[in-house]
Amino acid sequence: MEIKVLADADAVAREAAAVIAADARAAVAARGRFTMAVSGGRTPWVMLRALAGQDLPWESVHVLQVDERVAPAGDPDRNLTHLRASLLAHAPLAADHIHAMPVELADLDAAVAKYTATLRATAGAPPAIDLVHLGLGPDGHTASLVPRDPVLDVRNADVALAGPYQGHRRMTLTYPTLDRARRVLWVVTGAEKAPMLARLCRADPSIPSGRVAQDHALLLADRAAAAQ
């Protein structure tokens, strides 16, 4: 895994936007399409706002979700709410190029099947997403792959449901889907992440983030997160 340490969270967000933009241009030139999957978090919304100002072939960009809380449309806890406010409101990206996890469905198993079909239609079968953005929780989780949840052991599906975590059930991409990505972009900021970031860098399998393949990974961290 390549590691870059930047001064602060804003610098990390700007660098992440530049990395995504470069990958997007290269993917569209090579394959005619760029697919990226985005996680939640405060720094990523700054990243996406910076990305919106980049000169990209937006008509060929498709945005997927890494994970989502099971909550109503427009709920402030939904990653989609912030994704639309940060990116769709500022970039010339077609609304139907943001592929939302259908967590409003009453039948969540049907929702998983529907998003699996969306993922495969957008990124191939099996899906190979061009860039997956991941964050890191203070407990070592990433996406909605949280400690001690049975979802950590799902290997035969692209998308799965996780149990309740911080007040919500969640839908998430699984390890096999993350590991097929052409690039994994870790964006980690804040001193509270420092202990887990050190463990992530060691690929510590006892934390969920440490089990993501690091072959094609780039880690962008601020000085506070990289303190250890």
Protein backbone atom coordinates (compact mmCIF):
# COMPACT_ATOMS: atom_id res chain seq x y z
CA MET A 1 0.00 0.00 0.00
CA GLU A 2 1.27 3.44 -0.95
CA ILE A 3 1.01 5.97 1.89
CA LYS A 4 0.93 9.77 1.61
CA VAL A 5 0.73 12.02 4.67
CA LEU A 6 -0.60 15.54 4.16
CA ALA A 7 -0.86 18.53 6.44
CA ASP A 8 -4.54 18.47 7.35
CA ALA A 9 -7.98 17.17 6.41
CA ASP A 10 -8.53 19.80 3.72
CA ALA A 11 -5.25 18.88 2.03
CA VAL A 12 -6.24 15.21 2.16
CA ALA A 13 -9.61 15.99 0.56
CA ARG A 14 -8.00 18.01 -2.24
CA GLU A 15 -5.41 15.33 -2.95
CA ALA A 16 -8.09 12.63 -2.96
CA ALA A 17 -10.13 14.64 -5.49
CA ALA A 18 -7.06 14.98 -7.71
CA VAL A 19 -6.40 11.22 -7.54
CA ILE A 20 -10.00 10.41 -8.43
CA ALA A 21 -9.96 12.88 -11.31
CA ALA A 22 -6.77 11.39 -12.76
CA ASP A 23 -8.15 7.86 -12.47
CA ALA A 24 -11.41 8.95 -14.09
CA ARG A 25 -9.69 10.44 -17.11
CA ALA A 26 -7.50 7.35 -17.52
CA ALA A 27 -10.42 4.92 -17.16
CA VAL A 28 -12.58 6.75 -19.69
CA ALA A 29 -9.69 6.89 -22.14
CA ALA A 30 -9.01 3.16 -21.71
CA ARG A 31 -12.49 1.68 -21.25
CA GLY A 32 -15.01 4.43 -22.02
CA ARG A 33 -16.38 4.56 -18.47
CA PHE A 34 -15.28 5.36 -14.90
CA THR A 35 -16.95 3.73 -11.93
CA MET A 36 -16.30 4.74 -8.35
CA ALA A 37 -17.86 3.70 -5.07
CA VAL A 38 -18.01 6.22 -2.24
CA SER A 39 -18.21 5.81 1.53
CA GLY A 40 -19.59 8.31 4.03
CA GLY A 41 -17.83 10.73 6.38
CA ARG A 42 -17.11 14.45 6.72
CA THR A 43 -13.79 14.61 4.84
CA PRO A 44 -15.22 12.70 1.85
CA TRP A 45 -17.93 15.31 1.39
CA VAL A 46 -15.19 17.95 1.13
CA MET A 47 -13.39 15.62 -1.29
CA LEU A 48 -16.48 15.29 -3.47
CA ARG A 49 -17.09 19.04 -3.44
CA ALA A 50 -13.51 19.51 -4.68
CA LEU A 51 -14.02 16.78 -7.28
CA ALA A 52 -17.09 18.61 -8.59
CA GLY A 53 -14.82 21.45 -9.69
CA GLN A 54 -12.56 19.20 -11.75
CA ASP A 55 -12.69 19.05 -15.54
CA LEU A 56 -13.87 15.47 -16.09
CA PRO A 57 -15.73 13.51 -18.78
CA TRP A 58 -18.75 13.58 -16.46
CA GLU A 59 -21.05 11.92 -18.97
CA SER A 60 -18.97 8.74 -18.55
CA VAL A 61 -18.73 8.81 -14.72
CA HIS A 62 -20.84 6.46 -12.59
CA VAL A 63 -21.00 6.72 -8.80
CA LEU A 64 -21.89 3.74 -6.61
CA GLN A 65 -22.23 3.45 -2.86
CA VAL A 66 -19.85 1.46 -0.68
CA ASP A 67 -22.45 1.25 2.08
CA GLU A 68 -25.64 2.85 3.32
CA ARG A 69 -27.74 3.05 6.46
CA VAL A 70 -31.25 1.65 6.33
CA ALA A 71 -33.19 4.90 6.73
CA PRO A 72 -35.80 6.87 4.76
CA ALA A 73 -34.93 8.90 1.68
CA GLY A 74 -33.51 12.30 2.60
CA ASP A 75 -32.63 11.23 6.14
CA PRO A 76 -29.54 13.16 7.35
CA ASP A 77 -28.02 9.83 8.43
CA ARG A 78 -28.06 8.58 4.85
CA ASN A 79 -24.78 8.73 2.94
CA LEU A 80 -26.81 9.38 -0.21
CA THR A 81 -28.18 12.63 1.21
CA HIS A 82 -24.67 14.05 1.55
CA LEU A 83 -23.45 12.51 -1.70
CA ARG A 84 -26.12 14.34 -3.63
CA ALA A 85 -25.50 17.61 -1.79
CA SER A 86 -21.72 17.42 -2.23
CA LEU A 87 -21.44 16.14 -5.79
CA LEU A 88 -24.68 16.12 -7.73
CA ALA A 89 -25.58 19.67 -6.76
CA HIS A 90 -22.26 21.03 -8.06
CA ALA A 91 -21.06 18.76 -10.89
CA PRO A 92 -22.57 18.16 -14.36
CA LEU A 93 -23.23 14.54 -13.39
CA ALA A 94 -26.46 12.96 -14.59
CA ALA A 95 -28.74 12.11 -11.67
CA ASP A 96 -29.16 8.55 -12.95
CA HIS A 97 -25.37 8.08 -12.82
CA ILE A 98 -25.55 8.04 -9.02
CA HIS A 99 -26.57 4.47 -8.25
CA ALA A 100 -28.14 4.49 -4.80
CA MET A 101 -28.49 1.46 -2.57
CA PRO A 102 -32.29 0.86 -2.40
CA VAL A 103 -32.48 0.68 1.38
CA GLU A 104 -36.00 2.13 1.43
CA LEU A 105 -37.42 -1.20 0.23
CA ALA A 106 -39.37 -3.10 2.85
CA ASP A 107 -37.75 -6.37 1.72
CA LEU A 108 -34.04 -5.84 2.39
CA ASP A 109 -33.07 -9.15 0.82
CA ALA A 110 -34.75 -7.97 -2.37
CA ALA A 111 -32.87 -4.68 -1.99
CA VAL A 112 -29.55 -6.56 -1.85
CA ALA A 113 -30.47 -8.51 -4.98
CA LYS A 114 -31.48 -5.31 -6.76
CA TYR A 115 -28.22 -3.54 -5.91
CA THR A 116 -26.20 -6.58 -6.91
CA ALA A 117 -27.83 -6.36 -10.34
CA THR A 118 -27.12 -2.61 -10.49
CA LEU A 119 -23.50 -3.17 -9.52
CA ARG A 120 -23.00 -5.81 -12.18
CA ALA A 121 -24.73 -3.74 -14.87
CA THR A 122 -22.48 -0.79 -14.02
CA ALA A 123 -19.12 -2.43 -13.23
CA GLY A 124 -19.27 -5.87 -14.83
CA ALA A 125 -19.86 -9.42 -13.65
CA PRO A 126 -18.14 -10.00 -11.37
CA PRO A 127 -17.94 -6.26 -10.69
CA ALA A 128 -14.53 -4.59 -10.97
CA ILE A 129 -15.00 -1.02 -9.76
CA ASP A 130 -12.34 1.42 -10.98
CA LEU A 131 -11.94 3.17 -7.62
CA VAL A 132 -13.36 2.36 -4.21
CA HIS A 133 -13.09 5.07 -1.57
CA LEU A 134 -12.86 3.81 2.02
CA GLY A 135 -12.70 5.47 5.41
CA LEU A 136 -11.55 4.11 8.75
CA GLY A 137 -13.55 4.06 11.97
CA PRO A 138 -12.00 4.46 15.43
CA ASP A 139 -13.02 0.84 16.06
CA GLY A 140 -11.25 -0.37 12.91
CA HIS A 141 -14.34 -0.75 10.74
CA THR A 142 -14.51 0.26 7.11
CA ALA A 143 -17.54 0.40 4.81
CA SER A 144 -20.16 -1.30 7.00
CA LEU A 145 -17.80 -4.16 7.76
CA VAL A 146 -17.90 -3.77 11.51
CA PRO A 147 -16.25 -5.79 14.28
CA ARG A 148 -17.86 -9.14 15.12
CA ASP A 149 -20.62 -8.82 12.51
CA PRO A 150 -21.33 -11.97 10.44
CA VAL A 151 -21.05 -9.82 7.29
CA LEU A 152 -17.25 -10.07 7.68
CA ASP A 153 -17.44 -13.71 6.61
CA VAL A 154 -19.55 -13.19 3.47
CA ARG A 155 -17.48 -14.37 0.52
CA ASN A 156 -20.12 -15.56 -1.93
CA ALA A 157 -21.90 -12.23 -2.58
CA ASP A 158 -21.05 -8.79 -3.93
CA VAL A 159 -23.43 -6.96 -1.57
CA ALA A 160 -24.70 -7.96 1.89
CA LEU A 161 -26.64 -6.75 4.91
CA ALA A 162 -24.92 -5.96 8.19
CA GLY A 163 -26.60 -6.00 11.58
CA PRO A 164 -27.49 -2.91 13.62
CA TYR A 165 -24.58 -0.53 14.18
CA GLN A 166 -24.84 2.95 15.69
CA GLY A 167 -28.62 2.84 15.43
CA HIS A 168 -29.10 1.48 11.91
CA ARG A 169 -28.91 -1.71 9.94
CA ARG A 170 -26.71 -1.26 6.89
CA MET A 171 -26.09 -2.49 3.38
CA THR A 172 -22.47 -2.86 2.30
CA LEU A 173 -20.14 -4.04 -0.41
CA THR A 174 -18.33 -7.19 0.68
CA TYR A 175 -14.62 -7.97 0.86
CA PRO A 176 -14.59 -9.77 -2.52
CA THR A 177 -16.08 -6.68 -4.20
CA LEU A 178 -13.63 -4.32 -2.49
CA ASP A 179 -10.71 -6.58 -3.36
CA ARG A 180 -11.54 -6.60 -7.09
CA ALA A 181 -11.32 -2.80 -7.30
CA ARG A 182 -8.67 -1.42 -9.60
CA ARG A 183 -7.78 1.07 -6.88
CA VAL A 184 -8.70 1.32 -3.20
CA LEU A 185 -8.38 4.90 -1.96
CA TRP A 186 -8.23 5.22 1.82
CA VAL A 187 -9.02 8.70 3.16
CA VAL A 188 -8.24 8.93 6.88
CA THR A 189 -8.17 12.09 9.00
CA GLY A 190 -8.22 12.94 12.71
CA ALA A 191 -6.18 12.01 15.75
CA GLU A 192 -8.83 9.56 16.95
CA LYS A 193 -7.96 7.35 13.95
CA ALA A 194 -4.23 7.12 14.76
CA PRO A 195 -4.22 3.80 16.67
CA MET A 196 -6.30 2.01 14.04
CA LEU A 197 -4.40 3.59 11.15
CA ALA A 198 -1.19 2.05 12.48
CA ARG A 199 -2.92 -1.33 12.54
CA LEU A 200 -4.35 -0.84 9.06
CA CYS A 201 -0.86 -0.14 7.74
CA ARG A 202 0.25 -3.47 9.23
CA ALA A 203 -2.70 -5.22 7.53
CA ASP A 204 -3.80 -6.39 10.97
CA PRO A 205 -6.49 -9.03 10.26
CA SER A 206 -8.03 -8.60 13.71
CA ILE A 207 -9.69 -5.35 12.60
CA PRO A 208 -12.11 -5.28 9.64
CA SER A 209 -10.15 -2.65 7.70
CA GLY A 210 -6.97 -4.71 7.97
CA ARG A 211 -8.56 -7.50 5.94
CA VAL A 212 -9.02 -5.42 2.78
CA ALA A 213 -6.44 -6.32 0.13
CA GLN A 214 -3.68 -3.71 -0.12
CA ASP A 215 -2.20 -4.59 -3.54
CA HIS A 216 -3.83 -1.64 -5.31
CA ALA A 217 -4.31 0.67 -2.34
CA LEU A 218 -3.36 4.30 -1.78
CA LEU A 219 -3.68 5.75 1.72
CA LEU A 220 -4.07 9.51 2.17
CA ALA A 221 -3.88 10.61 5.79
CA ASP A 222 -3.40 13.86 7.65
CA ARG A 223 -0.60 14.31 10.20
CA ALA A 224 -2.95 13.81 13.12
CA ALA A 225 -4.14 10.41 11.89
CA ALA A 226 -0.60 9.36 10.94
CA ALA A 227 0.89 10.27 14.33
CA GLN A 228 1.64 6.64 15.19
